[in-house]
Structures are given as structure tokens and as C-alpha cells.
Amino acid sequence: MTGAVLWDMDGTLVDSEEYHWLSWRDTMASEGFTITHDQFIKTFGQRNDSILPQWLEAGASAERMQRVGDDKEELYRKLVREGRMEPLPGAREWVQRLREQGWLQAIASSAPRKNIEVVLEVIGMAGFFEALVSAEDVTAGKPDPQVFQTGAARLGMPASRCIVVEDAVPGVEAARRAGMRCIGVSRKGLLDGADVVVRSLVDLPEDVFEDLSRG
């Protein structure tokens, strides 16, 4: 029995951490603010409208936060193109295998749609997915389940037939709240709440998706 696979993108399909760090560091510096790598790590994976109130001065206008966020994302896309980002080990192979087996697949990410499109273009995986859900499509970020619920709806699949692939605790929690099974990908091999946890996609058992879909 097949169903749907909802992929987080950053940290799951691609390693984007360094690109995000450099683009945030340089954008905030241009605004007159210095951020540390530790500050960045604590916010990595959050939406810009959650990050920027922590880093700009109190009372920063919504217009300024939007402009700074847009500048950061434009720089991020430039760095992704110049750096020739590659998919993480096993990512392309698993997506292709699942397609061949008849699974529907979607990207379900907190990233802006333009970022998703550029990343998929650069790594040569544009057109591999039946749906894309981005920051523009939801009103609340993970651990709210909205991003996964939207992905399931666009694929026409009930939550019970959806499997999420995530790399972060908020995403795993979002999958749980959505009533979906979850595969966690963590370099440390630890991700509380996921049904299956591996250090890399290449470590996934061949029948893991079928096993999870059977409950």
C-alpha cells in the first residue's frame, strides 16, 4: 500500500545551514547588527517573522522586518546558486525510488517558495514532487501542524496515509500533531518523537516506508 511522503527540505534533502548562516550574518551586519553563530543556531528553522523581532531593536516596524527578511532571502538564493548545492546522501535515490513505487510526494517547508524553487532547481530535483508547501501557504510555523496538513490536502491524502521526513524537533512535533508517522534524520541519531531515526537517509531500511504505512 502506498500513500504520501511529506519532505522537510532544509537539513533533510539538503544541508543549507552554512548558506543561511552567511546570509543572515551579512544581512544583519548591513543593518548595523552583529549576530553570533550561537544566536543563529537557536533560531535555525524558524520563520523570519519569528527570528527578526529577536534581532532588530524593539519597535522595529513590520515594513522594516519584511525588507530585511527579503534581503536575507535574496542573498541566500544567490549563495545557493554560486555554491552549487548538492542533495544530501540518499535524498535523490529515495525520492526517485518512492516515485517509482507510486508514492505521492510533497515539499512541506517553512522556507519561502522562491527558496524552495531555487534549491530544487540547483540540485536537479525540480519536478520530482507533486506539491510544494512554503511559508506563504501557512499562517503558523512548526510545531504547528498546518504545513503538513496543507501538504496532505494538496496531495489528496488523509493524515493516516502520510509519512513525514524531518530533521528537527519542531517538525517531528508538527507531524505528531497532524496525526502522521515520522522519520527523523539526525546526525546525532537522536530525535525525540520520531517513529524511526537515522543519521542519514542512506541508513534507512529498504522497506521502512511500507512498514510505517501499515502502522
Protein backbone atom coordinates (compact mmCIF):
# COMPACT_ATOMS: atom_id res chain seq x y z
CA MET A 1 0.00 0.00 0.00
CA THR A 2 1.38 3.39 -0.95
CA GLY A 3 0.49 6.83 0.31
CA ALA A 4 2.24 10.18 0.56
CA VAL A 5 5.63 11.36 1.78
CA LEU A 6 6.00 14.93 3.03
CA TRP A 7 9.60 16.11 2.97
CA ASP A 8 11.04 18.89 5.02
CA MET A 9 13.79 20.45 2.90
CA ASP A 10 16.50 22.16 4.97
CA GLY A 11 18.59 19.56 6.78
CA THR A 12 16.67 16.68 5.23
CA LEU A 13 17.07 16.92 1.46
CA VAL A 14 19.91 19.48 1.54
CA ASP A 15 22.45 20.84 4.03
CA SER A 16 21.61 24.53 3.90
CA GLU A 17 22.87 25.62 7.32
CA GLU A 18 26.03 27.41 6.15
CA TYR A 19 24.15 29.29 3.40
CA HIS A 20 21.56 30.52 5.90
CA TRP A 21 24.22 31.49 8.43
CA LEU A 22 26.23 33.55 5.94
CA SER A 23 23.18 35.28 4.52
CA TRP A 24 21.81 36.16 7.97
CA ARG A 25 25.22 37.30 9.25
CA ASP A 26 25.88 39.60 6.30
CA THR A 27 22.33 40.96 6.08
CA MET A 28 22.21 41.84 9.77
CA ALA A 29 25.68 43.40 9.55
CA SER A 30 24.42 45.67 6.78
CA GLU A 31 21.68 46.77 9.18
CA GLY A 32 24.23 47.55 11.88
CA PHE A 33 23.72 44.42 14.00
CA THR A 34 26.19 41.67 14.83
CA ILE A 35 24.77 38.21 15.40
CA THR A 36 26.74 35.24 16.68
CA HIS A 37 26.65 31.74 15.27
CA ASP A 38 25.04 30.57 18.51
CA GLN A 39 22.23 33.09 18.05
CA PHE A 40 21.73 31.81 14.53
CA ILE A 41 21.64 28.15 15.59
CA LYS A 42 18.98 28.84 18.21
CA THR A 43 16.67 30.21 15.52
CA PHE A 44 17.57 27.94 12.60
CA GLY A 45 14.43 26.55 11.01
CA GLN A 46 12.12 29.27 12.33
CA ARG A 47 10.18 31.65 10.11
CA ASN A 48 11.64 35.12 9.54
CA ASP A 49 8.72 36.76 11.32
CA SER A 50 9.76 34.84 14.45
CA ILE A 51 13.50 35.49 14.09
CA LEU A 52 13.71 39.18 13.30
CA PRO A 53 11.86 40.54 16.36
CA GLN A 54 14.64 38.91 18.41
CA TRP A 55 17.45 40.55 16.46
CA LEU A 56 16.22 44.03 15.49
CA GLU A 57 15.71 46.79 18.03
CA ALA A 58 12.44 46.91 19.96
CA GLY A 59 9.68 48.55 17.98
CA ALA A 60 11.09 47.72 14.53
CA SER A 61 8.31 48.21 12.01
CA ALA A 62 6.70 45.38 10.10
CA GLU A 63 7.88 47.05 6.90
CA ARG A 64 11.50 47.01 8.04
CA MET A 65 11.31 43.39 9.13
CA GLN A 66 9.84 42.46 5.76
CA ARG A 67 12.60 44.32 3.91
CA VAL A 68 15.39 42.78 6.00
CA GLY A 69 13.89 39.33 5.58
CA ASP A 70 13.59 39.81 1.83
CA ASP A 71 17.22 40.99 1.63
CA LYS A 72 18.38 37.92 3.54
CA GLU A 73 16.45 35.51 1.31
CA GLU A 74 17.72 37.17 -1.86
CA LEU A 75 21.30 36.78 -0.62
CA TYR A 76 20.59 33.17 0.40
CA ARG A 77 19.40 32.30 -3.11
CA LYS A 78 22.48 33.96 -4.60
CA LEU A 79 24.77 31.90 -2.36
CA VAL A 80 22.90 28.67 -3.18
CA ARG A 81 23.35 29.28 -6.90
CA GLU A 82 27.02 30.19 -6.54
CA GLY A 83 27.77 27.32 -4.17
CA ARG A 84 26.16 24.69 -6.40
CA MET A 85 24.36 22.99 -3.54
CA GLU A 86 24.02 19.20 -3.73
CA PRO A 87 21.34 16.92 -2.26
CA LEU A 88 22.27 15.12 0.93
CA PRO A 89 23.40 11.48 0.59
CA GLY A 90 20.46 9.23 -0.24
CA ALA A 91 18.00 12.05 -0.89
CA ARG A 92 17.79 11.79 -4.67
CA GLU A 93 17.80 7.99 -4.56
CA TRP A 94 14.95 7.79 -2.06
CA VAL A 95 12.79 10.35 -3.86
CA GLN A 96 13.28 8.51 -7.16
CA ARG A 97 12.59 5.11 -5.58
CA LEU A 98 9.39 6.34 -3.95
CA ARG A 99 8.21 7.84 -7.24
CA GLU A 100 8.78 4.54 -8.98
CA GLN A 101 6.80 2.76 -6.26
CA GLY A 102 3.82 5.09 -6.72
CA TRP A 103 4.13 7.28 -3.64
CA LEU A 104 2.94 10.88 -3.91
CA GLN A 105 5.50 13.37 -2.58
CA ALA A 106 5.48 16.99 -1.47
CA ILE A 107 7.89 19.51 -0.01
CA ALA A 108 6.49 20.83 3.28
CA SER A 109 8.84 23.56 4.43
CA SER A 110 8.94 26.80 6.42
CA ALA A 111 11.10 28.31 3.67
CA PRO A 112 9.81 30.92 1.19
CA ARG A 113 8.58 29.44 -2.08
CA LYS A 114 11.33 31.11 -4.13
CA ASN A 115 13.96 29.46 -1.93
CA ILE A 116 12.40 26.03 -2.42
CA GLU A 117 12.23 26.51 -6.18
CA VAL A 118 15.85 27.68 -6.42
CA VAL A 119 17.15 24.83 -4.26
CA LEU A 120 15.25 22.18 -6.24
CA GLU A 121 16.50 23.73 -9.49
CA VAL A 122 20.13 23.80 -8.34
CA ILE A 123 20.12 20.21 -7.03
CA GLY A 124 18.36 18.96 -10.15
CA MET A 125 15.16 17.81 -8.42
CA ALA A 126 12.62 20.30 -9.77
CA GLY A 127 9.56 18.40 -10.95
CA PHE A 128 10.13 15.45 -8.62
CA PHE A 129 7.30 16.50 -6.31
CA GLU A 130 3.56 16.69 -6.82
CA ALA A 131 3.15 19.66 -4.45
CA LEU A 132 5.14 22.38 -2.68
CA VAL A 133 4.05 23.96 0.61
CA SER A 134 6.03 27.03 1.66
CA ALA A 135 5.97 29.82 4.23
CA GLU A 136 3.49 31.75 2.10
CA ASP A 137 0.95 28.92 2.31
CA VAL A 138 0.56 28.81 6.09
CA THR A 139 -0.05 31.24 8.93
CA ALA A 140 1.85 29.36 11.64
CA GLY A 141 5.22 27.65 11.58
CA LYS A 142 6.22 24.28 13.01
CA PRO A 143 5.46 22.79 15.55
CA ASP A 144 2.03 23.85 14.34
CA PRO A 145 0.84 21.02 12.03
CA GLN A 146 -0.56 23.35 9.37
CA VAL A 147 2.29 22.86 6.88
CA PHE A 148 1.84 19.08 6.86
CA GLN A 149 -1.94 19.27 6.85
CA THR A 150 -1.75 21.56 3.81
CA GLY A 151 0.64 19.19 2.05
CA ALA A 152 -1.64 16.23 2.67
CA ALA A 153 -4.64 18.16 1.38
CA ARG A 154 -2.83 19.14 -1.81
CA LEU A 155 -1.92 15.51 -2.41
CA GLY A 156 -5.45 14.38 -1.61
CA MET A 157 -4.25 12.04 1.14
CA PRO A 158 -5.57 11.54 4.70
CA ALA A 159 -3.10 12.01 7.55
CA SER A 160 -3.15 8.29 8.26
CA ARG A 161 -1.51 7.61 4.88
CA CYS A 162 1.16 10.33 5.15
CA ILE A 163 4.75 9.90 6.32
CA VAL A 164 6.83 12.95 7.23
CA VAL A 165 10.63 13.10 6.86
CA GLU A 166 12.09 15.69 9.25
CA ASP A 167 15.37 16.71 10.87
CA ALA A 168 14.20 18.92 13.76
CA VAL A 169 12.15 18.52 16.93
CA PRO A 170 9.55 21.17 15.98
CA GLY A 171 8.95 19.36 12.68
CA VAL A 172 8.60 15.99 14.41
CA GLU A 173 6.12 17.55 16.83
CA ALA A 174 4.19 19.07 13.91
CA ALA A 175 3.95 15.65 12.29
CA ARG A 176 2.69 14.13 15.53
CA ARG A 177 0.05 16.85 15.92
CA ALA A 178 -1.03 16.22 12.33
CA GLY A 179 -1.55 12.52 13.12
CA MET A 180 1.23 11.37 10.76
CA ARG A 181 4.08 8.89 11.14
CA CYS A 182 7.53 10.46 11.06
CA ILE A 183 11.06 9.52 10.01
CA GLY A 184 13.73 11.59 11.75
CA VAL A 185 17.11 12.31 10.16
CA SER A 186 19.64 13.44 12.74
CA ARG A 187 23.43 13.42 12.58
CA LYS A 188 23.43 12.61 16.30
CA GLY A 189 20.97 9.77 15.83
CA LEU A 190 18.56 11.32 18.33
CA LEU A 191 15.22 12.96 17.55
CA ASP A 192 12.57 12.53 20.22
CA GLY A 193 9.11 11.66 18.97
CA ALA A 194 10.02 10.26 15.55
CA ASP A 195 8.92 6.71 14.74
CA VAL A 196 12.25 5.92 13.08
CA VAL A 197 15.51 7.84 13.49
CA VAL A 198 18.62 7.51 11.30
CA ARG A 199 21.81 9.52 10.99
CA SER A 200 21.49 9.69 7.20
CA LEU A 201 18.91 8.79 4.58
CA VAL A 202 21.33 6.16 3.28
CA ASP A 203 20.80 4.30 6.57
CA LEU A 204 17.04 3.88 6.07
CA PRO A 205 15.86 0.27 5.77
CA GLU A 206 14.61 -0.51 2.29
CA ASP A 207 11.06 -1.28 3.46
CA VAL A 208 10.72 1.49 6.07
CA PHE A 209 8.01 3.45 4.26
CA GLU A 210 5.89 0.36 3.63
CA ASP A 211 6.27 -0.71 7.26
CA LEU A 212 5.23 2.69 8.60
CA SER A 213 2.26 2.88 6.24
CA ARG A 214 0.95 -0.37 7.73
CA GLY A 215 1.02 1.23 11.16
